[in-house]
Amino acid sequence: MINERELFKDLKQTNITKVRVGNGDYISVRGKGTVAMASYSGTKFILDVLFVLEIQQNLLCVGQLIERRFKVIFEDNFCSIRDAAD
């Protein structure tokens, strides 16, 4: 979930109207699209990211990243996101 419109490469309407967050509340979804992220090996695209204005921090779903063949590594108080081929 991303709260900044300018981070989206493209943004479209979605049938998803609300999403449930950690405290059990539901917040409105404004759209769904592709976010471009700069990396050491070039720009990476994360698909199907929800545009949600009501969150204070941008959130990435580890499960969604893994499904899309990224490698997510938590180590020494850091999180690295890499291509699975790396």
C-alpha atoms as a PDB file:
ATOM      1  CA  MET A   1       0.000   0.000   0.000  1.00  0.00           C
ATOM      2  CA  ILE A   2       1.326   3.377  -1.010  1.00  0.00           C
ATOM      3  CA  ASN A   3      -0.027   6.789  -0.015  1.00  0.00           C
ATOM      4  CA  GLU A   4       1.854   8.916  -2.563  1.00  0.00           C
ATOM      5  CA  ARG A   5       0.325   9.232  -6.044  1.00  0.00           C
ATOM      6  CA  GLU A   6       3.609  10.320  -7.621  1.00  0.00           C
ATOM      7  CA  LEU A   7       5.257   6.953  -6.833  1.00  0.00           C
ATOM      8  CA  PHE A   8       2.960   5.165  -9.298  1.00  0.00           C
ATOM      9  CA  LYS A   9       4.091   4.563 -12.869  1.00  0.00           C
ATOM     10  CA  ASP A  10       0.459   3.866 -13.712  1.00  0.00           C
ATOM     11  CA  LEU A  11      -2.692   3.884 -11.623  1.00  0.00           C
ATOM     12  CA  LYS A  12      -6.118   2.483 -12.468  1.00  0.00           C
ATOM     13  CA  GLN A  13      -9.443   2.057 -10.756  1.00  0.00           C
ATOM     14  CA  THR A  14      -9.987  -1.215  -8.915  1.00  0.00           C
ATOM     15  CA  ASN A  15     -12.942  -3.235  -7.675  1.00  0.00           C
ATOM     16  CA  ILE A  16     -11.287  -3.263  -4.249  1.00  0.00           C
ATOM     17  CA  THR A  17     -12.924  -0.432  -2.322  1.00  0.00           C
ATOM     18  CA  LYS A  18     -11.594  -1.031   1.190  1.00  0.00           C
ATOM     19  CA  VAL A  19      -8.723  -2.872   2.823  1.00  0.00           C
ATOM     20  CA  ARG A  20      -8.445  -4.077   6.397  1.00  0.00           C
ATOM     21  CA  VAL A  21      -5.410  -2.886   8.358  1.00  0.00           C
ATOM     22  CA  GLY A  22      -3.642  -4.252  11.428  1.00  0.00           C
ATOM     23  CA  ASN A  23      -5.930  -2.672  14.033  1.00  0.00           C
ATOM     24  CA  GLY A  24      -9.033  -4.150  12.359  1.00  0.00           C
ATOM     25  CA  ASP A  25     -10.207  -0.900  10.771  1.00  0.00           C
ATOM     26  CA  TYR A  26     -11.049  -0.619   7.079  1.00  0.00           C
ATOM     27  CA  ILE A  27      -9.616   2.163   4.940  1.00  0.00           C
ATOM     28  CA  SER A  28     -10.565   3.283   1.436  1.00  0.00           C
ATOM     29  CA  VAL A  29      -8.634   2.182  -1.635  1.00  0.00           C
ATOM     30  CA  ARG A  30      -8.308   4.848  -4.352  1.00  0.00           C
ATOM     31  CA  GLY A  31      -6.787   2.652  -7.054  1.00  0.00           C
ATOM     32  CA  LYS A  32      -4.253  -0.010  -7.978  1.00  0.00           C
ATOM     33  CA  GLY A  33      -1.162   0.229 -10.136  1.00  0.00           C
ATOM     34  CA  THR A  34       2.535  -0.255 -10.732  1.00  0.00           C
ATOM     35  CA  VAL A  35       5.266   1.300  -8.612  1.00  0.00           C
ATOM     36  CA  ALA A  36       8.776   1.785  -9.983  1.00  0.00           C
ATOM     37  CA  MET A  37      11.636   1.310  -7.508  1.00  0.00           C
ATOM     38  CA  ALA A  38      15.246   2.197  -8.195  1.00  0.00           C
ATOM     39  CA  SER A  39      17.769  -0.561  -7.445  1.00  0.00           C
ATOM     40  CA  TYR A  40      21.479  -1.148  -7.933  1.00  0.00           C
ATOM     41  CA  SER A  41      20.744  -3.228 -11.030  1.00  0.00           C
ATOM     42  CA  GLY A  42      18.173  -0.855 -12.532  1.00  0.00           C
ATOM     43  CA  THR A  43      14.523   0.038 -12.086  1.00  0.00           C
ATOM     44  CA  LYS A  44      12.243  -2.685 -10.710  1.00  0.00           C
ATOM     45  CA  PHE A  45       8.466  -2.693 -11.049  1.00  0.00           C
ATOM     46  CA  ILE A  46       6.077  -3.905  -8.378  1.00  0.00           C
ATOM     47  CA  LEU A  47       2.623  -4.660  -9.787  1.00  0.00           C
ATOM     48  CA  ASP A  48      -0.827  -4.477  -8.194  1.00  0.00           C
ATOM     49  CA  VAL A  49       0.103  -2.001  -5.460  1.00  0.00           C
ATOM     50  CA  LEU A  50      -2.877  -0.379  -3.745  1.00  0.00           C
ATOM     51  CA  PHE A  51      -3.167   3.420  -3.559  1.00  0.00           C
ATOM     52  CA  VAL A  52      -4.425   4.260  -0.057  1.00  0.00           C
ATOM     53  CA  LEU A  53      -4.403   7.851   1.203  1.00  0.00           C
ATOM     54  CA  GLU A  54      -5.185   7.108   4.851  1.00  0.00           C
ATOM     55  CA  ILE A  55      -1.934   5.343   5.764  1.00  0.00           C
ATOM     56  CA  GLN A  56       0.964   7.303   7.238  1.00  0.00           C
ATOM     57  CA  GLN A  57       3.735   5.024   5.936  1.00  0.00           C
ATOM     58  CA  ASN A  58       4.109   3.188   2.655  1.00  0.00           C
ATOM     59  CA  LEU A  59       3.858  -0.580   3.172  1.00  0.00           C
ATOM     60  CA  LEU A  60       5.192  -3.443   1.084  1.00  0.00           C
ATOM     61  CA  CYS A  61       3.810  -6.935   1.488  1.00  0.00           C
ATOM     62  CA  VAL A  62       6.635  -9.448   1.851  1.00  0.00           C
ATOM     63  CA  GLY A  63       4.402 -12.253   0.577  1.00  0.00           C
ATOM     64  CA  GLN A  64       3.519 -10.275  -2.549  1.00  0.00           C
ATOM     65  CA  LEU A  65       7.196  -9.540  -3.237  1.00  0.00           C
ATOM     66  CA  ILE A  66       8.103 -13.224  -2.900  1.00  0.00           C
ATOM     67  CA  GLU A  67       5.239 -14.241  -5.200  1.00  0.00           C
ATOM     68  CA  ARG A  68       6.690 -11.881  -7.803  1.00  0.00           C
ATOM     69  CA  ARG A  69      10.099 -13.566  -7.562  1.00  0.00           C
ATOM     70  CA  PHE A  70      11.899 -11.050  -5.362  1.00  0.00           C
ATOM     71  CA  LYS A  71      14.198 -12.238  -2.589  1.00  0.00           C
ATOM     72  CA  VAL A  72      13.500 -10.563   0.782  1.00  0.00           C
ATOM     73  CA  ILE A  73      16.262 -10.819   3.367  1.00  0.00           C
ATOM     74  CA  PHE A  74      16.037  -9.557   6.963  1.00  0.00           C
ATOM     75  CA  GLU A  75      19.471  -9.253   8.531  1.00  0.00           C
ATOM     76  CA  ASP A  76      21.215  -7.013  11.079  1.00  0.00           C
ATOM     77  CA  ASN A  77      18.262  -4.601  11.477  1.00  0.00           C
ATOM     78  CA  PHE A  78      17.976  -4.130   7.684  1.00  0.00           C
ATOM     79  CA  CYS A  79      15.750  -5.506   4.970  1.00  0.00           C
ATOM     80  CA  SER A  80      17.125  -6.126   1.473  1.00  0.00           C
ATOM     81  CA  ILE A  81      14.916  -6.735  -1.547  1.00  0.00           C
ATOM     82  CA  ARG A  82      16.673  -8.419  -4.471  1.00  0.00           C
ATOM     83  CA  ASP A  83      15.887 -10.173  -7.704  1.00  0.00           C
ATOM     84  CA  ALA A  84      15.610 -13.918  -7.127  1.00  0.00           C
ATOM     85  CA  ALA A  85      18.368 -14.400  -9.730  1.00  0.00           C
ATOM     86  CA  ASP A  86      20.876 -12.396  -7.614  1.00  0.00           C
END
